[in-house]
Amino acid sequence: MAQKRSVYTSFIILDAQSVKNTDPAESSGYDGGKKVSGIKRHLAVDINGLPMAVHVTTANVSERDGANALLALNKSQFDLVQRVMADGGYTGNNFAQSVQ
């Protein structure tokens, strides 16, 4: 018999995506790494790829800073999370502390 999973996840994946934006200049920024002028979508998904939280910033906000804000704004959703997977854009002591 297959084991049932809890509705609460203990593992999340963080990533960000820069996309072009047609809104006025004050609501967009330039991501020099991706060469995109627009916004950045910061996402936290569960192990099934289902979104748990989304945070939108201007494209010039770093992945770390966007993820820190996403985690802080949605802290109660991540109470049971034990592991976080992220790419190399998520480094540094500040990010490590916000994940804990």
PDB file of N, CA and C in Angstrom:
ATOM      1  N   MET A   1       0.840  -1.173   0.000  1.00  0.00           N
ATOM      2  CA  MET A   1       0.000   0.000   0.000  1.00  0.00           C
ATOM      3  C   MET A   1       0.892   1.246   0.000  1.00  0.00           C
ATOM      4  N   ALA A   2       0.541   2.200  -0.817  1.00  0.00           N
ATOM      5  CA  ALA A   2       1.317   3.441  -0.923  1.00  0.00           C
ATOM      6  C   ALA A   2       1.146   4.295   0.324  1.00  0.00           C
ATOM      7  N   GLN A   3       2.241   4.943   0.718  1.00  0.00           N
ATOM      8  CA  GLN A   3       2.167   5.841   1.861  1.00  0.00           C
ATOM      9  C   GLN A   3       1.503   7.142   1.446  1.00  0.00           C
ATOM     10  N   LYS A   4       0.686   7.670   2.332  1.00  0.00           N
ATOM     11  CA  LYS A   4       0.048   8.959   2.061  1.00  0.00           C
ATOM     12  C   LYS A   4       0.982  10.072   2.496  1.00  0.00           C
ATOM     13  N   ARG A   5       1.019  11.121   1.691  1.00  0.00           N
ATOM     14  CA  ARG A   5       1.826  12.289   2.032  1.00  0.00           C
ATOM     15  C   ARG A   5       1.004  13.264   2.844  1.00  0.00           C
ATOM     16  N   SER A   6       1.705  13.987   3.672  1.00  0.00           N
ATOM     17  CA  SER A   6       1.059  15.054   4.430  1.00  0.00           C
ATOM     18  C   SER A   6       0.689  16.186   3.479  1.00  0.00           C
ATOM     19  N   VAL A   7      -0.362  16.915   3.804  1.00  0.00           N
ATOM     20  CA  VAL A   7      -0.733  18.068   2.982  1.00  0.00           C
ATOM     21  C   VAL A   7       0.257  19.207   3.185  1.00  0.00           C
ATOM     22  N   TYR A   8       1.076  19.113   4.213  1.00  0.00           N
ATOM     23  CA  TYR A   8       2.088  20.128   4.490  1.00  0.00           C
ATOM     24  C   TYR A   8       3.439  19.623   4.003  1.00  0.00           C
ATOM     25  N   THR A   9       4.147  20.464   3.295  1.00  0.00           N
ATOM     26  CA  THR A   9       5.430  20.048   2.744  1.00  0.00           C
ATOM     27  C   THR A   9       6.573  20.387   3.688  1.00  0.00           C
ATOM     28  N   SER A  10       7.602  19.556   3.666  1.00  0.00           N
ATOM     29  CA  SER A  10       8.797  19.828   4.464  1.00  0.00           C
ATOM     30  C   SER A  10       9.965  20.219   3.560  1.00  0.00           C
ATOM     31  N   PHE A  11       9.703  20.354   2.254  1.00  0.00           N
ATOM     32  CA  PHE A  11      10.745  20.631   1.265  1.00  0.00           C
ATOM     33  C   PHE A  11      10.211  21.643   0.263  1.00  0.00           C
ATOM     34  N   ILE A  12      10.946  22.748   0.056  1.00  0.00           N
ATOM     35  CA  ILE A  12      10.528  23.725  -0.953  1.00  0.00           C
ATOM     36  C   ILE A  12      11.685  24.035  -1.901  1.00  0.00           C
ATOM     37  N   ILE A  13      11.323  24.532  -3.067  1.00  0.00           N
ATOM     38  CA  ILE A  13      12.285  24.941  -4.080  1.00  0.00           C
ATOM     39  C   ILE A  13      12.067  26.425  -4.334  1.00  0.00           C
ATOM     40  N   LEU A  14      13.146  27.207  -4.310  1.00  0.00           N
ATOM     41  CA  LEU A  14      13.083  28.647  -4.564  1.00  0.00           C
ATOM     42  C   LEU A  14      13.736  28.968  -5.899  1.00  0.00           C
ATOM     43  N   ASP A  15      13.122  29.866  -6.649  1.00  0.00           N
ATOM     44  CA  ASP A  15      13.730  30.351  -7.882  1.00  0.00           C
ATOM     45  C   ASP A  15      13.094  31.677  -8.256  1.00  0.00           C
ATOM     46  N   ALA A  16      13.700  32.338  -9.236  1.00  0.00           N
ATOM     47  CA  ALA A  16      13.197  33.628  -9.701  1.00  0.00           C
ATOM     48  C   ALA A  16      13.281  33.677 -11.217  1.00  0.00           C
ATOM     49  N   GLN A  17      12.418  34.501 -11.801  1.00  0.00           N
ATOM     50  CA  GLN A  17      12.377  34.652 -13.250  1.00  0.00           C
ATOM     51  C   GLN A  17      12.180  36.120 -13.579  1.00  0.00           C
ATOM     52  N   SER A  18      13.079  36.679 -14.385  1.00  0.00           N
ATOM     53  CA  SER A  18      12.936  38.060 -14.849  1.00  0.00           C
ATOM     54  C   SER A  18      12.125  38.061 -16.136  1.00  0.00           C
ATOM     55  N   VAL A  19      11.144  38.960 -16.207  1.00  0.00           N
ATOM     56  CA  VAL A  19      10.287  39.046 -17.395  1.00  0.00           C
ATOM     57  C   VAL A  19      10.107  40.499 -17.787  1.00  0.00           C
ATOM     58  N   LYS A  20       9.882  40.720 -19.075  1.00  0.00           N
ATOM     59  CA  LYS A  20       9.651  42.077 -19.569  1.00  0.00           C
ATOM     60  C   LYS A  20       8.333  42.599 -19.028  1.00  0.00           C
ATOM     61  N   ASN A  21       8.275  43.922 -18.869  1.00  0.00           N
ATOM     62  CA  ASN A  21       7.112  44.568 -18.276  1.00  0.00           C
ATOM     63  C   ASN A  21       6.747  45.784 -19.119  1.00  0.00           C
ATOM     64  N   THR A  22       5.465  45.994 -19.353  1.00  0.00           N
ATOM     65  CA  THR A  22       5.031  47.156 -20.134  1.00  0.00           C
ATOM     66  C   THR A  22       4.530  48.284 -19.248  1.00  0.00           C
ATOM     67  N   ASP A  23       4.575  48.094 -17.936  1.00  0.00           N
ATOM     68  CA  ASP A  23       4.126  49.136 -17.012  1.00  0.00           C
ATOM     69  C   ASP A  23       5.120  50.298 -16.994  1.00  0.00           C
ATOM     70  N   PRO A  24       4.737  51.409 -16.369  1.00  0.00           N
ATOM     71  CA  PRO A  24       5.629  52.581 -16.295  1.00  0.00           C
ATOM     72  C   PRO A  24       6.976  52.254 -15.653  1.00  0.00           C
ATOM     73  N   ALA A  25       7.949  53.106 -15.897  1.00  0.00           N
ATOM     74  CA  ALA A  25       9.328  52.878 -15.456  1.00  0.00           C
ATOM     75  C   ALA A  25       9.458  52.682 -13.950  1.00  0.00           C
ATOM     76  N   GLU A  26       8.625  53.341 -13.142  1.00  0.00           N
ATOM     77  CA  GLU A  26       8.789  53.206 -11.687  1.00  0.00           C
ATOM     78  C   GLU A  26       8.448  51.803 -11.190  1.00  0.00           C
ATOM     79  N   SER A  27       7.736  51.000 -11.992  1.00  0.00           N
ATOM     80  CA  SER A  27       7.396  49.646 -11.559  1.00  0.00           C
ATOM     81  C   SER A  27       8.238  48.596 -12.278  1.00  0.00           C
ATOM     82  N   SER A  28       9.354  49.005 -12.856  1.00  0.00           N
ATOM     83  CA  SER A  28      10.241  48.037 -13.493  1.00  0.00           C
ATOM     84  C   SER A  28      11.690  48.395 -13.190  1.00  0.00           C
ATOM     85  N   GLY A  29      12.557  47.432 -13.372  1.00  0.00           N
ATOM     86  CA  GLY A  29      13.986  47.623 -13.155  1.00  0.00           C
ATOM     87  C   GLY A  29      14.747  46.833 -14.197  1.00  0.00           C
ATOM     88  N   TYR A  30      16.070  46.934 -14.182  1.00  0.00           N
ATOM     89  CA  TYR A  30      16.885  46.249 -15.183  1.00  0.00           C
ATOM     90  C   TYR A  30      17.714  45.163 -14.519  1.00  0.00           C
ATOM     91  N   ASP A  31      17.526  43.925 -14.959  1.00  0.00           N
ATOM     92  CA  ASP A  31      18.312  42.789 -14.484  1.00  0.00           C
ATOM     93  C   ASP A  31      19.510  42.649 -15.412  1.00  0.00           C
ATOM     94  N   GLY A  32      20.675  43.123 -14.973  1.00  0.00           N
ATOM     95  CA  GLY A  32      21.874  43.110 -15.801  1.00  0.00           C
ATOM     96  C   GLY A  32      22.341  41.713 -16.171  1.00  0.00           C
ATOM     97  N   GLY A  33      22.131  40.755 -15.271  1.00  0.00           N
ATOM     98  CA  GLY A  33      22.546  39.383 -15.551  1.00  0.00           C
ATOM     99  C   GLY A  33      21.734  38.744 -16.661  1.00  0.00           C
ATOM    100  N   LYS A  34      20.457  39.023 -16.690  1.00  0.00           N
ATOM    101  CA  LYS A  34      19.561  38.443 -17.701  1.00  0.00           C
ATOM    102  C   LYS A  34      19.317  39.384 -18.870  1.00  0.00           C
ATOM    103  N   LYS A  35      19.769  40.633 -18.744  1.00  0.00           N
ATOM    104  CA  LYS A  35      19.559  41.664 -19.777  1.00  0.00           C
ATOM    105  C   LYS A  35      18.067  41.877 -20.049  1.00  0.00           C
ATOM    106  N   VAL A  36      17.294  41.978 -18.969  1.00  0.00           N
ATOM    107  CA  VAL A  36      15.846  42.161 -19.062  1.00  0.00           C
ATOM    108  C   VAL A  36      15.446  43.393 -18.271  1.00  0.00           C
ATOM    109  N   SER A  37      14.655  44.245 -18.892  1.00  0.00           N
ATOM    110  CA  SER A  37      14.074  45.394 -18.207  1.00  0.00           C
ATOM    111  C   SER A  37      12.631  45.042 -17.885  1.00  0.00           C
ATOM    112  N   GLY A  38      12.293  45.000 -16.602  1.00  0.00           N
ATOM    113  CA  GLY A  38      10.931  44.624 -16.234  1.00  0.00           C
ATOM    114  C   GLY A  38      10.800  44.259 -14.776  1.00  0.00           C
ATOM    115  N   ILE A  39      10.186  43.104 -14.526  1.00  0.00           N
ATOM    116  CA  ILE A  39       9.919  42.641 -13.170  1.00  0.00           C
ATOM    117  C   ILE A  39      10.574  41.282 -12.946  1.00  0.00           C
ATOM    118  N   LYS A  40      10.650  40.897 -11.675  1.00  0.00           N
ATOM    119  CA  LYS A  40      11.176  39.580 -11.327  1.00  0.00           C
ATOM    120  C   LYS A  40      10.148  38.879 -10.453  1.00  0.00           C
ATOM    121  N   ARG A  41       9.818  37.638 -10.834  1.00  0.00           N
ATOM    122  CA  ARG A  41       8.892  36.816 -10.055  1.00  0.00           C
ATOM    123  C   ARG A  41       9.711  35.856  -9.206  1.00  0.00           C
ATOM    124  N   HIS A  42       9.542  35.949  -7.906  1.00  0.00           N
ATOM    125  CA  HIS A  42      10.217  35.063  -6.961  1.00  0.00           C
ATOM    126  C   HIS A  42       9.191  34.023  -6.536  1.00  0.00           C
ATOM    127  N   LEU A  43       9.539  32.739  -6.657  1.00  0.00           N
ATOM    128  CA  LEU A  43       8.588  31.671  -6.385  1.00  0.00           C
ATOM    129  C   LEU A  43       9.132  30.668  -5.386  1.00  0.00           C
ATOM    130  N   ALA A  44       8.233  30.150  -4.567  1.00  0.00           N
ATOM    131  CA  ALA A  44       8.519  29.007  -3.709  1.00  0.00           C
ATOM    132  C   ALA A  44       7.502  27.944  -4.087  1.00  0.00           C
ATOM    133  N   VAL A  45       7.991  26.768  -4.483  1.00  0.00           N
ATOM    134  CA  VAL A  45       7.089  25.682  -4.866  1.00  0.00           C
ATOM    135  C   VAL A  45       7.359  24.474  -3.988  1.00  0.00           C
ATOM    136  N   ASP A  46       6.339  23.611  -3.864  1.00  0.00           N
ATOM    137  CA  ASP A  46       6.521  22.387  -3.093  1.00  0.00           C
ATOM    138  C   ASP A  46       7.143  21.313  -3.981  1.00  0.00           C
ATOM    139  N   ILE A  47       7.291  20.126  -3.458  1.00  0.00           N
ATOM    140  CA  ILE A  47       7.965  19.046  -4.176  1.00  0.00           C
ATOM    141  C   ILE A  47       7.207  18.622  -5.433  1.00  0.00           C
ATOM    142  N   ASN A  48       5.921  18.922  -5.507  1.00  0.00           N
ATOM    143  CA  ASN A  48       5.121  18.609  -6.690  1.00  0.00           C
ATOM    144  C   ASN A  48       5.119  19.746  -7.706  1.00  0.00           C
ATOM    145  N   GLY A  49       5.825  20.835  -7.404  1.00  0.00           N
ATOM    146  CA  GLY A  49       5.866  21.979  -8.304  1.00  0.00           C
ATOM    147  C   GLY A  49       4.702  22.932  -8.140  1.00  0.00           C
ATOM    148  N   LEU A  50       3.905  22.729  -7.108  1.00  0.00           N
ATOM    149  CA  LEU A  50       2.760  23.610  -6.860  1.00  0.00           C
ATOM    150  C   LEU A  50       3.221  24.855  -6.104  1.00  0.00           C
ATOM    151  N   PRO A  51       2.801  26.028  -6.555  1.00  0.00           N
ATOM    152  CA  PRO A  51       3.235  27.271  -5.897  1.00  0.00           C
ATOM    153  C   PRO A  51       2.761  27.357  -4.449  1.00  0.00           C
ATOM    154  N   MET A  52       3.665  27.736  -3.574  1.00  0.00           N
ATOM    155  CA  MET A  52       3.322  27.989  -2.175  1.00  0.00           C
ATOM    156  C   MET A  52       3.307  29.476  -1.889  1.00  0.00           C
ATOM    157  N   ALA A  53       4.164  30.232  -2.604  1.00  0.00           N
ATOM    158  CA  ALA A  53       4.231  31.679  -2.409  1.00  0.00           C
ATOM    159  C   ALA A  53       4.855  32.316  -3.642  1.00  0.00           C
ATOM    160  N   VAL A  54       4.396  33.530  -3.948  1.00  0.00           N
ATOM    161  CA  VAL A  54       4.926  34.309  -5.066  1.00  0.00           C
ATOM    162  C   VAL A  54       5.154  35.727  -4.567  1.00  0.00           C
ATOM    163  N   HIS A  55       6.276  36.318  -4.959  1.00  0.00           N
ATOM    164  CA  HIS A  55       6.578  37.704  -4.612  1.00  0.00           C
ATOM    165  C   HIS A  55       7.129  38.373  -5.862  1.00  0.00           C
ATOM    166  N   VAL A  56       6.574  39.521  -6.246  1.00  0.00           N
ATOM    167  CA  VAL A  56       6.990  40.219  -7.458  1.00  0.00           C
ATOM    168  C   VAL A  56       7.736  41.490  -7.078  1.00  0.00           C
ATOM    169  N   THR A  57       8.905  41.682  -7.702  1.00  0.00           N
ATOM    170  CA  THR A  57       9.722  42.873  -7.466  1.00  0.00           C
ATOM    171  C   THR A  57      10.153  43.442  -8.816  1.00  0.00           C
ATOM    172  N   THR A  58      10.826  44.572  -8.774  1.00  0.00           N
ATOM    173  CA  THR A  58      11.452  45.074  -9.993  1.00  0.00           C
ATOM    174  C   THR A  58      12.615  44.137 -10.337  1.00  0.00           C
ATOM    175  N   ALA A  59      12.988  44.086 -11.607  1.00  0.00           N
ATOM    176  CA  ALA A  59      13.985  43.110 -12.064  1.00  0.00           C
ATOM    177  C   ALA A  59      15.370  43.323 -11.462  1.00  0.00           C
ATOM    178  N   ASN A  60      15.662  44.521 -10.984  1.00  0.00           N
ATOM    179  CA  ASN A  60      16.996  44.780 -10.435  1.00  0.00           C
ATOM    180  C   ASN A  60      17.184  44.250  -9.012  1.00  0.00           C
ATOM    181  N   VAL A  61      16.146  43.726  -8.382  1.00  0.00           N
ATOM    182  CA  VAL A  61      16.257  43.138  -7.040  1.00  0.00           C
ATOM    183  C   VAL A  61      16.922  41.767  -7.170  1.00  0.00           C
ATOM    184  N   SER A  62      17.912  41.493  -6.330  1.00  0.00           N
ATOM    185  CA  SER A  62      18.632  40.215  -6.410  1.00  0.00           C
ATOM    186  C   SER A  62      17.724  39.056  -6.014  1.00  0.00           C
ATOM    187  N   GLU A  63      18.105  37.865  -6.452  1.00  0.00           N
ATOM    188  CA  GLU A  63      17.344  36.667  -6.089  1.00  0.00           C
ATOM    189  C   GLU A  63      17.309  36.495  -4.578  1.00  0.00           C
ATOM    190  N   ARG A  64      18.453  36.740  -3.927  1.00  0.00           N
ATOM    191  CA  ARG A  64      18.529  36.610  -2.459  1.00  0.00           C
ATOM    192  C   ARG A  64      17.563  37.544  -1.761  1.00  0.00           C
ATOM    193  N   ASP A  65      17.597  38.835  -2.144  1.00  0.00           N
ATOM    194  CA  ASP A  65      16.739  39.823  -1.482  1.00  0.00           C
ATOM    195  C   ASP A  65      15.266  39.531  -1.732  1.00  0.00           C
ATOM    196  N   GLY A  66      14.931  39.124  -2.942  1.00  0.00           N
ATOM    197  CA  GLY A  66      13.545  38.777  -3.254  1.00  0.00           C
ATOM    198  C   GLY A  66      13.078  37.565  -2.468  1.00  0.00           C
ATOM    199  N   ALA A  67      13.952  36.562  -2.353  1.00  0.00           N
ATOM    200  CA  ALA A  67      13.602  35.365  -1.589  1.00  0.00           C
ATOM    201  C   ALA A  67      13.475  35.682  -0.104  1.00  0.00           C
ATOM    202  N   ASN A  68      14.353  36.535   0.419  1.00  0.00           N
ATOM    203  CA  ASN A  68      14.242  36.941   1.827  1.00  0.00           C
ATOM    204  C   ASN A  68      12.893  37.595   2.089  1.00  0.00           C
ATOM    205  N   ALA A  69      12.467  38.481   1.182  1.00  0.00           N
ATOM    206  CA  ALA A  69      11.168  39.142   1.336  1.00  0.00           C
ATOM    207  C   ALA A  69      10.034  38.133   1.216  1.00  0.00           C
ATOM    208  N   LEU A  70      10.122  37.229   0.252  1.00  0.00           N
ATOM    209  CA  LEU A  70       9.089  36.204   0.072  1.00  0.00           C
ATOM    210  C   LEU A  70       8.939  35.363   1.333  1.00  0.00           C
ATOM    211  N   LEU A  71      10.054  34.929   1.891  1.00  0.00           N
ATOM    212  CA  LEU A  71      10.011  34.102   3.101  1.00  0.00           C
ATOM    213  C   LEU A  71       9.468  34.877   4.293  1.00  0.00           C
ATOM    214  N   ALA A  72       9.860  36.139   4.432  1.00  0.00           N
ATOM    215  CA  ALA A  72       9.389  36.953   5.558  1.00  0.00           C
ATOM    216  C   ALA A  72       7.892  37.233   5.455  1.00  0.00           C
ATOM    217  N   LEU A  73       7.413  37.521   4.253  1.00  0.00           N
ATOM    218  CA  LEU A  73       5.997  37.848   4.063  1.00  0.00           C
ATOM    219  C   LEU A  73       5.084  36.635   4.206  1.00  0.00           C
ATOM    220  N   ASN A  74       5.634  35.447   4.035  1.00  0.00           N
ATOM    221  CA  ASN A  74       4.828  34.219   4.074  1.00  0.00           C
ATOM    222  C   ASN A  74       5.333  33.242   5.127  1.00  0.00           C
ATOM    223  N   LYS A  75       5.913  33.768   6.185  1.00  0.00           N
ATOM    224  CA  LYS A  75       6.580  32.954   7.205  1.00  0.00           C
ATOM    225  C   LYS A  75       5.702  31.820   7.752  1.00  0.00           C
ATOM    226  N   SER A  76       4.442  32.076   7.994  1.00  0.00           N
ATOM    227  CA  SER A  76       3.573  31.056   8.590  1.00  0.00           C
ATOM    228  C   SER A  76       3.372  29.851   7.675  1.00  0.00           C
ATOM    229  N   GLN A  77       3.511  30.039   6.368  1.00  0.00           N
ATOM    230  CA  GLN A  77       3.350  28.921   5.433  1.00  0.00           C
ATOM    231  C   GLN A  77       4.530  27.962   5.462  1.00  0.00           C
ATOM    232  N   PHE A  78       5.652  28.414   5.987  1.00  0.00           N
ATOM    233  CA  PHE A  78       6.873  27.621   5.932  1.00  0.00           C
ATOM    234  C   PHE A  78       7.288  27.074   7.290  1.00  0.00           C
ATOM    235  N   ASP A  79       6.388  27.027   8.244  1.00  0.00           N
ATOM    236  CA  ASP A  79       6.720  26.549   9.586  1.00  0.00           C
ATOM    237  C   ASP A  79       7.243  25.116   9.593  1.00  0.00           C
ATOM    238  N   LEU A  80       6.706  24.261   8.731  1.00  0.00           N
ATOM    239  CA  LEU A  80       7.089  22.853   8.727  1.00  0.00           C
ATOM    240  C   LEU A  80       8.194  22.519   7.730  1.00  0.00           C
ATOM    241  N   VAL A  81       8.681  23.510   7.010  1.00  0.00           N
ATOM    242  CA  VAL A  81       9.727  23.276   6.013  1.00  0.00           C
ATOM    243  C   VAL A  81      11.050  22.972   6.709  1.00  0.00           C
ATOM    244  N   GLN A  82      11.676  21.877   6.293  1.00  0.00           N
ATOM    245  CA  GLN A  82      12.951  21.467   6.867  1.00  0.00           C
ATOM    246  C   GLN A  82      14.107  21.624   5.892  1.00  0.00           C
ATOM    247  N   ARG A  83      13.804  21.600   4.589  1.00  0.00           N
ATOM    248  CA  ARG A  83      14.852  21.702   3.570  1.00  0.00           C
ATOM    249  C   ARG A  83      14.422  22.659   2.463  1.00  0.00           C
ATOM    250  N   VAL A  84      15.413  23.409   1.967  1.00  0.00           N
ATOM    251  CA  VAL A  84      15.186  24.364   0.879  1.00  0.00           C
ATOM    252  C   VAL A  84      16.204  24.079  -0.215  1.00  0.00           C
ATOM    253  N   MET A  85      15.722  23.991  -1.448  1.00  0.00           N
ATOM    254  CA  MET A  85      16.618  23.808  -2.590  1.00  0.00           C
ATOM    255  C   MET A  85      16.596  25.085  -3.416  1.00  0.00           C
ATOM    256  N   ALA A  86      17.775  25.579  -3.764  1.00  0.00           N
ATOM    257  CA  ALA A  86      17.881  26.805  -4.552  1.00  0.00           C
ATOM    258  C   ALA A  86      19.167  26.750  -5.366  1.00  0.00           C
ATOM    259  N   ASP A  87      19.225  27.560  -6.426  1.00  0.00           N
ATOM    260  CA  ASP A  87      20.431  27.572  -7.256  1.00  0.00           C
ATOM    261  C   ASP A  87      21.497  28.493  -6.662  1.00  0.00           C
ATOM    262  N   GLY A  88      22.572  28.704  -7.403  1.00  0.00           N
ATOM    263  CA  GLY A  88      23.715  29.466  -6.917  1.00  0.00           C
ATOM    264  C   GLY A  88      23.463  30.936  -6.661  1.00  0.00           C
ATOM    265  N   GLY A  89      22.330  31.468  -7.123  1.00  0.00           N
ATOM    266  CA  GLY A  89      22.006  32.872  -6.875  1.00  0.00           C
ATOM    267  C   GLY A  89      21.587  33.142  -5.443  1.00  0.00           C
ATOM    268  N   TYR A  90      21.372  32.087  -4.682  1.00  0.00           N
ATOM    269  CA  TYR A  90      20.898  32.210  -3.302  1.00  0.00           C
ATOM    270  C   TYR A  90      22.026  31.831  -2.356  1.00  0.00           C
ATOM    271  N   THR A  91      22.951  32.770  -2.141  1.00  0.00           N
ATOM    272  CA  THR A  91      24.090  32.506  -1.268  1.00  0.00           C
ATOM    273  C   THR A  91      24.203  33.608  -0.226  1.00  0.00           C
ATOM    274  N   GLY A  92      25.082  33.412   0.718  1.00  0.00           N
ATOM    275  CA  GLY A  92      25.358  34.438   1.713  1.00  0.00           C
ATOM    276  C   GLY A  92      24.738  34.144   3.061  1.00  0.00           C
ATOM    277  N   ASN A  93      25.323  34.766   4.083  1.00  0.00           N
ATOM    278  CA  ASN A  93      24.867  34.545   5.455  1.00  0.00           C
ATOM    279  C   ASN A  93      23.466  35.072   5.704  1.00  0.00           C
ATOM    280  N   ASN A  94      23.127  36.240   5.141  1.00  0.00           N
ATOM    281  CA  ASN A  94      21.784  36.796   5.351  1.00  0.00           C
ATOM    282  C   ASN A  94      20.715  35.855   4.827  1.00  0.00           C
ATOM    283  N   PHE A  95      20.949  35.288   3.651  1.00  0.00           N
ATOM    284  CA  PHE A  95      19.973  34.352   3.091  1.00  0.00           C
ATOM    285  C   PHE A  95      19.898  33.086   3.938  1.00  0.00           C
ATOM    286  N   ALA A  96      21.043  32.561   4.342  1.00  0.00           N
ATOM    287  CA  ALA A  96      21.064  31.352   5.165  1.00  0.00           C
ATOM    288  C   ALA A  96      20.311  31.563   6.474  1.00  0.00           C
ATOM    289  N   GLN A  97      20.453  32.742   7.081  1.00  0.00           N
ATOM    290  CA  GLN A  97      19.745  33.030   8.327  1.00  0.00           C
ATOM    291  C   GLN A  97      18.246  33.169   8.100  1.00  0.00           C
ATOM    292  N   SER A  98      17.841  33.754   6.985  1.00  0.00           N
ATOM    293  CA  SER A  98      16.404  33.924   6.743  1.00  0.00           C
ATOM    294  C   SER A  98      15.734  32.590   6.450  1.00  0.00           C
ATOM    295  N   VAL A  99      16.482  31.634   5.909  1.00  0.00           N
ATOM    296  CA  VAL A  99      15.921  30.308   5.644  1.00  0.00           C
ATOM    297  C   VAL A  99      15.718  29.551   6.951  1.00  0.00           C
ATOM    298  N   GLN A 100      16.617  29.768   7.914  1.00  0.00           N
ATOM    299  CA  GLN A 100      16.485  29.070   9.196  1.00  0.00           C
ATOM    300  C   GLN A 100      15.347  29.671   9.932  1.00  0.00           C
TER     301      GLN A 100
END
